[in-house]
PDB file of N, CA and C in Angstrom:
ATOM      1  N   MET A   1      99.587 106.523 104.909  1.00  0.00           N
ATOM      2  CA  MET A   1      99.571 105.168 104.400  1.00  0.00           C
ATOM      3  C   MET A   1      98.143 104.649 104.382  1.00  0.00           C
ATOM      4  N   ASN A   2      97.821 103.956 103.321  1.00  0.00           N
ATOM      5  CA  ASN A   2      96.560 103.242 103.203  1.00  0.00           C
ATOM      6  C   ASN A   2      96.875 101.803 102.858  1.00  0.00           C
ATOM      7  N   TYR A   3      95.931 100.910 103.125  1.00  0.00           N
ATOM      8  CA  TYR A   3      96.153  99.517 102.740  1.00  0.00           C
ATOM      9  C   TYR A   3      94.828  98.810 102.496  1.00  0.00           C
ATOM     10  N   GLN A   4      94.929  97.770 101.687  1.00  0.00           N
ATOM     11  CA  GLN A   4      93.808  96.869 101.423  1.00  0.00           C
ATOM     12  C   GLN A   4      94.290  95.459 101.743  1.00  0.00           C
ATOM     13  N   VAL A   5      93.370  94.616 102.134  1.00  0.00           N
ATOM     14  CA  VAL A   5      93.701  93.233 102.462  1.00  0.00           C
ATOM     15  C   VAL A   5      93.015  92.306 101.468  1.00  0.00           C
ATOM     16  N   VAL A   6      93.804  91.407 100.881  1.00  0.00           N
ATOM     17  CA  VAL A   6      93.268  90.391  99.978  1.00  0.00           C
ATOM     18  C   VAL A   6      93.714  89.049 100.536  1.00  0.00           C
ATOM     19  N   GLU A   7      92.746  88.186 100.840  1.00  0.00           N
ATOM     20  CA  GLU A   7      93.067  86.899 101.444  1.00  0.00           C
ATOM     21  C   GLU A   7      92.568  85.778 100.548  1.00  0.00           C
ATOM     22  N   ASP A   8      93.370  84.706 100.448  1.00  0.00           N
ATOM     23  CA  ASP A   8      92.944  83.514  99.732  1.00  0.00           C
ATOM     24  C   ASP A   8      93.343  82.291 100.564  1.00  0.00           C
ATOM     25  N   ALA A   9      93.212  81.108  99.990  1.00  0.00           N
ATOM     26  CA  ALA A   9      93.481  79.883 100.744  1.00  0.00           C
ATOM     27  C   ALA A   9      94.943  79.755 101.159  1.00  0.00           C
ATOM     28  N   LEU A  10      95.862  80.367 100.400  1.00  0.00           N
ATOM     29  CA  LEU A  10      97.290  80.240 100.685  1.00  0.00           C
ATOM     30  C   LEU A  10      97.818  81.272 101.668  1.00  0.00           C
ATOM     31  N   GLY A  11      97.190  82.427 101.714  1.00  0.00           N
ATOM     32  CA  GLY A  11      97.697  83.471 102.593  1.00  0.00           C
ATOM     33  C   GLY A  11      96.973  84.785 102.422  1.00  0.00           C
ATOM     34  N   VAL A  12      97.676  85.846 102.800  1.00  0.00           N
ATOM     35  CA  VAL A  12      97.073  87.168 102.773  1.00  0.00           C
ATOM     36  C   VAL A  12      98.063  88.156 102.162  1.00  0.00           C
ATOM     37  N   CYS A  13      97.511  89.106 101.409  1.00  0.00           N
ATOM     38  CA  CYS A  13      98.323  90.150 100.802  1.00  0.00           C
ATOM     39  C   CYS A  13      97.816  91.502 101.293  1.00  0.00           C
ATOM     40  N   PHE A  14      98.737  92.308 101.808  1.00  0.00           N
ATOM     41  CA  PHE A  14      98.423  93.673 102.220  1.00  0.00           C
ATOM     42  C   PHE A  14      98.953  94.603 101.135  1.00  0.00           C
ATOM     43  N   ARG A  15      98.050  95.257 100.408  1.00  0.00           N
ATOM     44  CA  ARG A  15      98.445  96.214  99.377  1.00  0.00           C
ATOM     45  C   ARG A  15      98.561  97.588 100.025  1.00  0.00           C
ATOM     46  N   ILE A  16      99.799  98.051 100.137  1.00  0.00           N
ATOM     47  CA  ILE A  16     100.072  99.301 100.837  1.00  0.00           C
ATOM     48  C   ILE A  16     100.309 100.415  99.833  1.00  0.00           C
ATOM     49  N   SER A  17      99.777 101.592 100.132  1.00  0.00           N
ATOM     50  CA  SER A  17     100.041 102.770  99.306  1.00  0.00           C
ATOM     51  C   SER A  17     100.382 103.941 100.213  1.00  0.00           C
ATOM     52  N   GLY A  18     101.162 104.883  99.658  1.00  0.00           N
ATOM     53  CA  GLY A  18     101.605 106.038 100.436  1.00  0.00           C
ATOM     54  C   GLY A  18     103.009 105.807 100.958  1.00  0.00           C
ATOM     55  N   ASP A  19     103.415 106.592 101.927  1.00  0.00           N
ATOM     56  CA  ASP A  19     104.757 106.472 102.498  1.00  0.00           C
ATOM     57  C   ASP A  19     104.736 105.531 103.693  1.00  0.00           C
ATOM     58  N   LEU A  20     105.759 104.708 103.773  1.00  0.00           N
ATOM     59  CA  LEU A  20     105.904 103.803 104.910  1.00  0.00           C
ATOM     60  C   LEU A  20     106.978 104.404 105.810  1.00  0.00           C
ATOM     61  N   ASP A  21     106.497 105.243 106.749  1.00  0.00           N
ATOM     62  CA  ASP A  21     107.383 105.981 107.646  1.00  0.00           C
ATOM     63  C   ASP A  21     106.699 106.148 108.997  1.00  0.00           C
ATOM     64  N   PHE A  22     107.211 107.028 109.838  1.00  0.00           N
ATOM     65  CA  PHE A  22     106.648 107.197 111.178  1.00  0.00           C
ATOM     66  C   PHE A  22     105.150 107.512 111.149  1.00  0.00           C
ATOM     67  N   SER A  23     104.719 108.286 110.178  1.00  0.00           N
ATOM     68  CA  SER A  23     103.300 108.652 110.111  1.00  0.00           C
ATOM     69  C   SER A  23     102.403 107.444 109.845  1.00  0.00           C
ATOM     70  N   ALA A  24     102.982 106.331 109.414  1.00  0.00           N
ATOM     71  CA  ALA A  24     102.204 105.134 109.098  1.00  0.00           C
ATOM     72  C   ALA A  24     102.061 104.176 110.285  1.00  0.00           C
ATOM     73  N   HIS A  25     102.732 104.473 111.396  1.00  0.00           N
ATOM     74  CA  HIS A  25     102.781 103.481 112.473  1.00  0.00           C
ATOM     75  C   HIS A  25     101.411 103.127 113.049  1.00  0.00           C
ATOM     76  N   ALA A  26     100.500 104.059 113.154  1.00  0.00           N
ATOM     77  CA  ALA A  26      99.170 103.756 113.716  1.00  0.00           C
ATOM     78  C   ALA A  26      98.389 102.828 112.789  1.00  0.00           C
ATOM     79  N   ASP A  27      98.424 103.114 111.489  1.00  0.00           N
ATOM     80  CA  ASP A  27      97.732 102.240 110.533  1.00  0.00           C
ATOM     81  C   ASP A  27      98.410 100.883 110.437  1.00  0.00           C
ATOM     82  N   PHE A  28      99.734 100.865 110.497  1.00  0.00           N
ATOM     83  CA  PHE A  28     100.453  99.600 110.412  1.00  0.00           C
ATOM     84  C   PHE A  28     100.177  98.740 111.636  1.00  0.00           C
ATOM     85  N   LYS A  29      99.905  99.353 112.765  1.00  0.00           N
ATOM     86  CA  LYS A  29      99.539  98.608 113.978  1.00  0.00           C
ATOM     87  C   LYS A  29      98.303  97.744 113.727  1.00  0.00           C
ATOM     88  N   LYS A  30      97.374  98.238 112.917  1.00  0.00           N
ATOM     89  CA  LYS A  30      96.180  97.456 112.563  1.00  0.00           C
ATOM     90  C   LYS A  30      96.569  96.212 111.772  1.00  0.00           C
ATOM     91  N   ILE A  31      97.564  96.346 110.902  1.00  0.00           N
ATOM     92  CA  ILE A  31      98.059  95.189 110.155  1.00  0.00           C
ATOM     93  C   ILE A  31      98.687  94.190 111.115  1.00  0.00           C
ATOM     94  N   ILE A  32      99.508  94.673 112.027  1.00  0.00           N
ATOM     95  CA  ILE A  32     100.157  93.802 113.015  1.00  0.00           C
ATOM     96  C   ILE A  32      99.118  93.015 113.806  1.00  0.00           C
ATOM     97  N   ASP A  33      98.041  93.684 114.194  1.00  0.00           N
ATOM     98  CA  ASP A  33      96.980  93.009 114.937  1.00  0.00           C
ATOM     99  C   ASP A  33      96.353  91.882 114.119  1.00  0.00           C
ATOM    100  N   GLN A  34      96.223  92.068 112.812  1.00  0.00           N
ATOM    101  CA  GLN A  34      95.655  91.035 111.945  1.00  0.00           C
ATOM    102  C   GLN A  34      96.602  89.855 111.762  1.00  0.00           C
ATOM    103  N   LEU A  35      97.902  90.114 111.819  1.00  0.00           N
ATOM    104  CA  LEU A  35      98.876  89.043 111.612  1.00  0.00           C
ATOM    105  C   LEU A  35      98.810  87.972 112.693  1.00  0.00           C
ATOM    106  N   ALA A  36      98.374  88.338 113.874  1.00  0.00           N
ATOM    107  CA  ALA A  36      98.284  87.366 114.968  1.00  0.00           C
ATOM    108  C   ALA A  36      97.364  86.197 114.607  1.00  0.00           C
ATOM    109  N   ASN A  37      96.403  86.430 113.725  1.00  0.00           N
ATOM    110  CA  ASN A  37      95.450  85.392 113.325  1.00  0.00           C
ATOM    111  C   ASN A  37      95.897  84.628 112.085  1.00  0.00           C
ATOM    112  N   LEU A  38      97.078  84.926 111.560  1.00  0.00           N
ATOM    113  CA  LEU A  38      97.518  84.341 110.291  1.00  0.00           C
ATOM    114  C   LEU A  38      98.716  83.412 110.444  1.00  0.00           C
ATOM    115  N   LYS A  39      98.951  82.915 111.621  1.00  0.00           N
ATOM    116  CA  LYS A  39     100.099  82.044 111.863  1.00  0.00           C
ATOM    117  C   LYS A  39     100.117  80.897 110.850  1.00  0.00           C
ATOM    118  N   GLY A  40     101.279  80.709 110.217  1.00  0.00           N
ATOM    119  CA  GLY A  40     101.445  79.613 109.273  1.00  0.00           C
ATOM    120  C   GLY A  40     101.042  79.920 107.845  1.00  0.00           C
ATOM    121  N   LYS A  41     100.429  81.071 107.595  1.00  0.00           N
ATOM    122  CA  LYS A  41     100.025  81.425 106.243  1.00  0.00           C
ATOM    123  C   LYS A  41     101.073  82.336 105.607  1.00  0.00           C
ATOM    124  N   GLN A  42     101.115  82.310 104.277  1.00  0.00           N
ATOM    125  CA  GLN A  42     102.016  83.192 103.545  1.00  0.00           C
ATOM    126  C   GLN A  42     101.515  84.630 103.679  1.00  0.00           C
ATOM    127  N   VAL A  43     102.417  85.540 104.017  1.00  0.00           N
ATOM    128  CA  VAL A  43     102.083  86.960 104.136  1.00  0.00           C
ATOM    129  C   VAL A  43     102.868  87.727 103.079  1.00  0.00           C
ATOM    130  N   THR A  44     102.147  88.530 102.297  1.00  0.00           N
ATOM    131  CA  THR A  44     102.756  89.347 101.252  1.00  0.00           C
ATOM    132  C   THR A  44     102.409  90.800 101.495  1.00  0.00           C
ATOM    133  N   PHE A  45     103.414  91.655 101.354  1.00  0.00           N
ATOM    134  CA  PHE A  45     103.187  93.092 101.345  1.00  0.00           C
ATOM    135  C   PHE A  45     103.447  93.569  99.923  1.00  0.00           C
ATOM    136  N   ASP A  46     102.377  94.000  99.248  1.00  0.00           N
ATOM    137  CA  ASP A  46     102.509  94.551  97.902  1.00  0.00           C
ATOM    138  C   ASP A  46     102.896  96.014  98.069  1.00  0.00           C
ATOM    139  N   LEU A  47     104.139  96.334  97.707  1.00  0.00           N
ATOM    140  CA  LEU A  47     104.690  97.669  97.931  1.00  0.00           C
ATOM    141  C   LEU A  47     104.684  98.533  96.672  1.00  0.00           C
ATOM    142  N   ALA A  48     103.969  98.127  95.641  1.00  0.00           N
ATOM    143  CA  ALA A  48     103.950  98.886  94.378  1.00  0.00           C
ATOM    144  C   ALA A  48     103.483 100.319  94.584  1.00  0.00           C
ATOM    145  N   GLY A  49     102.628 100.553  95.557  1.00  0.00           N
ATOM    146  CA  GLY A  49     102.094 101.886  95.814  1.00  0.00           C
ATOM    147  C   GLY A  49     102.856 102.688  96.856  1.00  0.00           C
ATOM    148  N   VAL A  50     103.984 102.143  97.340  1.00  0.00           N
ATOM    149  CA  VAL A  50     104.782 102.830  98.358  1.00  0.00           C
ATOM    150  C   VAL A  50     105.887 103.620  97.655  1.00  0.00           C
ATOM    151  N   GLY A  51     105.827 104.934  97.778  1.00  0.00           N
ATOM    152  CA  GLY A  51     106.808 105.786  97.128  1.00  0.00           C
ATOM    153  C   GLY A  51     108.072 105.998  97.941  1.00  0.00           C
ATOM    154  N   ARG A  52     107.956 105.839  99.258  1.00  0.00           N
ATOM    155  CA  ARG A  52     109.102 106.111 100.133  1.00  0.00           C
ATOM    156  C   ARG A  52     108.995 105.257 101.385  1.00  0.00           C
ATOM    157  N   ILE A  53     110.157 104.761 101.822  1.00  0.00           N
ATOM    158  CA  ILE A  53     110.245 104.028 103.083  1.00  0.00           C
ATOM    159  C   ILE A  53     111.474 104.556 103.824  1.00  0.00           C
ATOM    160  N   ASP A  54     111.334 104.752 105.116  1.00  0.00           N
ATOM    161  CA  ASP A  54     112.487 105.175 105.920  1.00  0.00           C
ATOM    162  C   ASP A  54     112.794 104.086 106.942  1.00  0.00           C
ATOM    163  N   SER A  55     113.687 104.374 107.866  1.00  0.00           N
ATOM    164  CA  SER A  55     114.090 103.366 108.842  1.00  0.00           C
ATOM    165  C   SER A  55     112.926 102.913 109.731  1.00  0.00           C
ATOM    166  N   VAL A  56     112.018 103.822 110.034  1.00  0.00           N
ATOM    167  CA  VAL A  56     110.846 103.441 110.837  1.00  0.00           C
ATOM    168  C   VAL A  56     109.964 102.486 110.041  1.00  0.00           C
ATOM    169  N   GLY A  57     109.741 102.795 108.771  1.00  0.00           N
ATOM    170  CA  GLY A  57     108.942 101.912 107.915  1.00  0.00           C
ATOM    171  C   GLY A  57     109.564 100.534 107.799  1.00  0.00           C
ATOM    172  N   LEU A  58     110.878 100.496 107.646  1.00  0.00           N
ATOM    173  CA  LEU A  58     111.571  99.224 107.591  1.00  0.00           C
ATOM    174  C   LEU A  58     111.404  98.476 108.917  1.00  0.00           C
ATOM    175  N   GLY A  59     111.484  99.221 110.009  1.00  0.00           N
ATOM    176  CA  GLY A  59     111.265  98.617 111.322  1.00  0.00           C
ATOM    177  C   GLY A  59     109.873  98.018 111.457  1.00  0.00           C
ATOM    178  N   LEU A  60     108.886  98.659 110.877  1.00  0.00           N
ATOM    179  CA  LEU A  60     107.523  98.134 110.906  1.00  0.00           C
ATOM    180  C   LEU A  60     107.448  96.793 110.183  1.00  0.00           C
ATOM    181  N   LEU A  61     108.160  96.672 109.067  1.00  0.00           N
ATOM    182  CA  LEU A  61     108.179  95.396 108.353  1.00  0.00           C
ATOM    183  C   LEU A  61     108.839  94.306 109.198  1.00  0.00           C
ATOM    184  N   TYR A  62     109.877  94.676 109.937  1.00  0.00           N
ATOM    185  CA  TYR A  62     110.533  93.697 110.814  1.00  0.00           C
ATOM    186  C   TYR A  62     109.624  93.307 111.989  1.00  0.00           C
ATOM    187  N   ILE A  63     108.838  94.236 112.482  1.00  0.00           N
ATOM    188  CA  ILE A  63     107.864  93.895 113.535  1.00  0.00           C
ATOM    189  C   ILE A  63     106.851  92.900 112.985  1.00  0.00           C
ATOM    190  N   ALA A  64     106.409  93.123 111.755  1.00  0.00           N
ATOM    191  CA  ALA A  64     105.477  92.186 111.106  1.00  0.00           C
ATOM    192  C   ALA A  64     106.121  90.809 110.984  1.00  0.00           C
ATOM    193  N   LYS A  65     107.390  90.779 110.614  1.00  0.00           N
ATOM    194  CA  LYS A  65     108.122  89.514 110.489  1.00  0.00           C
ATOM    195  C   LYS A  65     108.148  88.775 111.827  1.00  0.00           C
ATOM    196  N   GLU A  66     108.399  89.491 112.910  1.00  0.00           N
ATOM    197  CA  GLU A  66     108.409  88.868 114.234  1.00  0.00           C
ATOM    198  C   GLU A  66     107.028  88.343 114.610  1.00  0.00           C
ATOM    199  N   GLU A  67     105.998  89.081 114.252  1.00  0.00           N
ATOM    200  CA  GLU A  67     104.635  88.673 114.587  1.00  0.00           C
ATOM    201  C   GLU A  67     104.239  87.396 113.855  1.00  0.00           C
ATOM    202  N   VAL A  68     104.664  87.269 112.606  1.00  0.00           N
ATOM    203  CA  VAL A  68     104.338  86.081 111.811  1.00  0.00           C
ATOM    204  C   VAL A  68     105.041  84.859 112.382  1.00  0.00           C
ATOM    205  N   GLY A  69     106.246  85.046 112.882  1.00  0.00           N
ATOM    206  CA  GLY A  69     106.958  83.958 113.536  1.00  0.00           C
ATOM    207  C   GLY A  69     107.992  83.286 112.659  1.00  0.00           C
ATOM    208  N   ALA A  70     108.743  82.442 113.289  1.00  0.00           N
ATOM    209  CA  ALA A  70     109.828  81.729 112.607  1.00  0.00           C
ATOM    210  C   ALA A  70     109.255  80.767 111.575  1.00  0.00           C
ATOM    211  N   GLY A  71     110.021  80.574 110.515  1.00  0.00           N
ATOM    212  CA  GLY A  71     109.616  79.611 109.493  1.00  0.00           C
ATOM    213  C   GLY A  71     108.771  80.193 108.378  1.00  0.00           C
ATOM    214  N   VAL A  72     108.271  81.389 108.546  1.00  0.00           N
ATOM    215  CA  VAL A  72     107.489  82.040 107.498  1.00  0.00           C
ATOM    216  C   VAL A  72     108.248  83.276 107.048  1.00  0.00           C
ATOM    217  N   LYS A  73     108.580  83.328 105.769  1.00  0.00           N
ATOM    218  CA  LYS A  73     109.304  84.468 105.235  1.00  0.00           C
ATOM    219  C   LYS A  73     108.295  85.389 104.549  1.00  0.00           C
ATOM    220  N   ILE A  74     108.254  86.611 104.991  1.00  0.00           N
ATOM    221  CA  ILE A  74     107.324  87.585 104.414  1.00  0.00           C
ATOM    222  C   ILE A  74     107.803  87.959 103.020  1.00  0.00           C
ATOM    223  N   ARG A  75     106.864  88.001 102.098  1.00  0.00           N
ATOM    224  CA  ARG A  75     107.146  88.374 100.718  1.00  0.00           C
ATOM    225  C   ARG A  75     106.890  89.878 100.549  1.00  0.00           C
ATOM    226  N   LEU A  76     107.879  90.581  99.987  1.00  0.00           N
ATOM    227  CA  LEU A  76     107.732  91.993  99.632  1.00  0.00           C
ATOM    228  C   LEU A  76     107.641  92.053  98.117  1.00  0.00           C
ATOM    229  N   LYS A  77     106.483  92.441  97.611  1.00  0.00           N
ATOM    230  CA  LYS A  77     106.197  92.362  96.184  1.00  0.00           C
ATOM    231  C   LYS A  77     106.209  93.751  95.540  1.00  0.00           C
ATOM    232  N   SER A  78     106.844  93.844  94.388  1.00  0.00           N
ATOM    233  CA  SER A  78     106.808  95.018  93.502  1.00  0.00           C
ATOM    234  C   SER A  78     107.260  96.323  94.147  1.00  0.00           C
ATOM    235  N   PRO A  79     108.361  96.319  94.909  1.00  0.00           N
ATOM    236  CA  PRO A  79     108.809  97.593  95.488  1.00  0.00           C
ATOM    237  C   PRO A  79     109.319  98.548  94.401  1.00  0.00           C
ATOM    238  N   GLN A  80     109.048  99.830  94.574  1.00  0.00           N
ATOM    239  CA  GLN A  80     109.550 100.846  93.658  1.00  0.00           C
ATOM    240  C   GLN A  80     111.043 101.043  93.892  1.00  0.00           C
ATOM    241  N   LYS A  81     111.682 101.764  92.970  1.00  0.00           N
ATOM    242  CA  LYS A  81     113.136 101.925  92.981  1.00  0.00           C
ATOM    243  C   LYS A  81     113.674 102.457  94.314  1.00  0.00           C
ATOM    244  N   ALA A  82     113.044 103.483  94.877  1.00  0.00           N
ATOM    245  CA  ALA A  82     113.514 104.062  96.139  1.00  0.00           C
ATOM    246  C   ALA A  82     113.398 103.055  97.285  1.00  0.00           C
ATOM    247  N   VAL A  83     112.364 102.254  97.259  1.00  0.00           N
ATOM    248  CA  VAL A  83     112.170 101.240  98.298  1.00  0.00           C
ATOM    249  C   VAL A  83     113.198 100.123  98.124  1.00  0.00           C
ATOM    250  N   VAL A  84     113.428  99.714  96.883  1.00  0.00           N
ATOM    251  CA  VAL A  84     114.439  98.689  96.610  1.00  0.00           C
ATOM    252  C   VAL A  84     115.796  99.147  97.131  1.00  0.00           C
ATOM    253  N   ARG A  85     116.120 100.407  96.902  1.00  0.00           N
ATOM    254  CA  ARG A  85     117.409 100.949  97.353  1.00  0.00           C
ATOM    255  C   ARG A  85     117.558 100.815  98.878  1.00  0.00           C
ATOM    256  N   MET A  86     116.524 101.164  99.628  1.00  0.00           N
ATOM    257  CA  MET A  86     116.560 101.046 101.090  1.00  0.00           C
ATOM    258  C   MET A  86     116.712  99.582 101.503  1.00  0.00           C
ATOM    259  N   LEU A  87     115.998  98.689 100.836  1.00  0.00           N
ATOM    260  CA  LEU A  87     116.084  97.268 101.160  1.00  0.00           C
ATOM    261  C   LEU A  87     117.486  96.726 100.874  1.00  0.00           C
ATOM    262  N   GLU A  88     118.093  97.196  99.790  1.00  0.00           N
ATOM    263  CA  GLU A  88     119.457  96.770  99.465  1.00  0.00           C
ATOM    264  C   GLU A  88     120.462  97.310 100.478  1.00  0.00           C
ATOM    265  N   LEU A  89     120.327  98.578 100.832  1.00  0.00           N
ATOM    266  CA  LEU A  89     121.257  99.189 101.780  1.00  0.00           C
ATOM    267  C   LEU A  89     121.248  98.491 103.137  1.00  0.00           C
ATOM    268  N   THR A  90     120.096  97.996 103.516  1.00  0.00           N
ATOM    269  CA  THR A  90     119.955  97.362 104.828  1.00  0.00           C
ATOM    270  C   THR A  90     120.057  95.835 104.753  1.00  0.00           C
ATOM    271  N   GLU A  91     120.352  95.329 103.554  1.00  0.00           N
ATOM    272  CA  GLU A  91     120.504  93.893 103.326  1.00  0.00           C
ATOM    273  C   GLU A  91     119.283  93.099 103.788  1.00  0.00           C
ATOM    274  N   ALA A  92     118.111  93.656 103.527  1.00  0.00           N
ATOM    275  CA  ALA A  92     116.858  93.033 103.947  1.00  0.00           C
ATOM    276  C   ALA A  92     116.530  91.767 103.159  1.00  0.00           C
ATOM    277  N   GLN A  93     117.216  91.543 102.036  1.00  0.00           N
ATOM    278  CA  GLN A  93     116.925  90.359 101.233  1.00  0.00           C
ATOM    279  C   GLN A  93     117.199  89.065 101.998  1.00  0.00           C
ATOM    280  N   GLY A  94     117.989  89.138 103.034  1.00  0.00           N
ATOM    281  CA  GLY A  94     118.219  87.959 103.867  1.00  0.00           C
ATOM    282  C   GLY A  94     117.056  87.640 104.785  1.00  0.00           C
ATOM    283  N   ASP A  95     116.235  88.622 105.048  1.00  0.00           N
ATOM    284  CA  ASP A  95     115.117  88.450 105.976  1.00  0.00           C
ATOM    285  C   ASP A  95     113.750  88.394 105.303  1.00  0.00           C
ATOM    286  N   PHE A  96     113.676  88.868 104.073  1.00  0.00           N
ATOM    287  CA  PHE A  96     112.412  88.923 103.336  1.00  0.00           C
ATOM    288  C   PHE A  96     112.591  88.315 101.955  1.00  0.00           C
ATOM    289  N   ASP A  97     111.512  87.809 101.410  1.00  0.00           N
ATOM    290  CA  ASP A  97     111.485  87.315 100.037  1.00  0.00           C
ATOM    291  C   ASP A  97     111.065  88.501  99.166  1.00  0.00           C
ATOM    292  N   ILE A  98     112.024  89.152  98.513  1.00  0.00           N
ATOM    293  CA  ILE A  98     111.752  90.372  97.742  1.00  0.00           C
ATOM    294  C   ILE A  98     111.557  89.990  96.283  1.00  0.00           C
ATOM    295  N   GLN A  99     110.364  90.302  95.761  1.00  0.00           N
ATOM    296  CA  GLN A  99     110.022  89.990  94.377  1.00  0.00           C
ATOM    297  C   GLN A  99     109.769  91.267  93.595  1.00  0.00           C
ATOM    298  N   PRO A 100     110.480  91.393  92.443  1.00  0.00           N
ATOM    299  CA  PRO A 100     110.302  92.618  91.621  1.00  0.00           C
ATOM    300  C   PRO A 100     108.887  92.795  91.102  1.00  0.00           C
TER     301      PRO A 100
END
């Protein structure tokens, strides 16, 4: 997994590429560390470059959600078909703002 960070006045967007699975946990930990400083801002994960997500990857997104805190819904932007399928199977649309 690789990622880039784009920040503006409204929030921050993490553009992720590669697979979001167990092998991504060390890199995703760096994202989690950055979220601690973003309380109250909109957080977006641009998933257009993510080809595959498994249960661990989904768990990482939920850890990010917990770090951001209550009242802020994380936006998942442009997920590919395989990622959308996982999000649908796990009913993640109730916990995340999923945008095609």
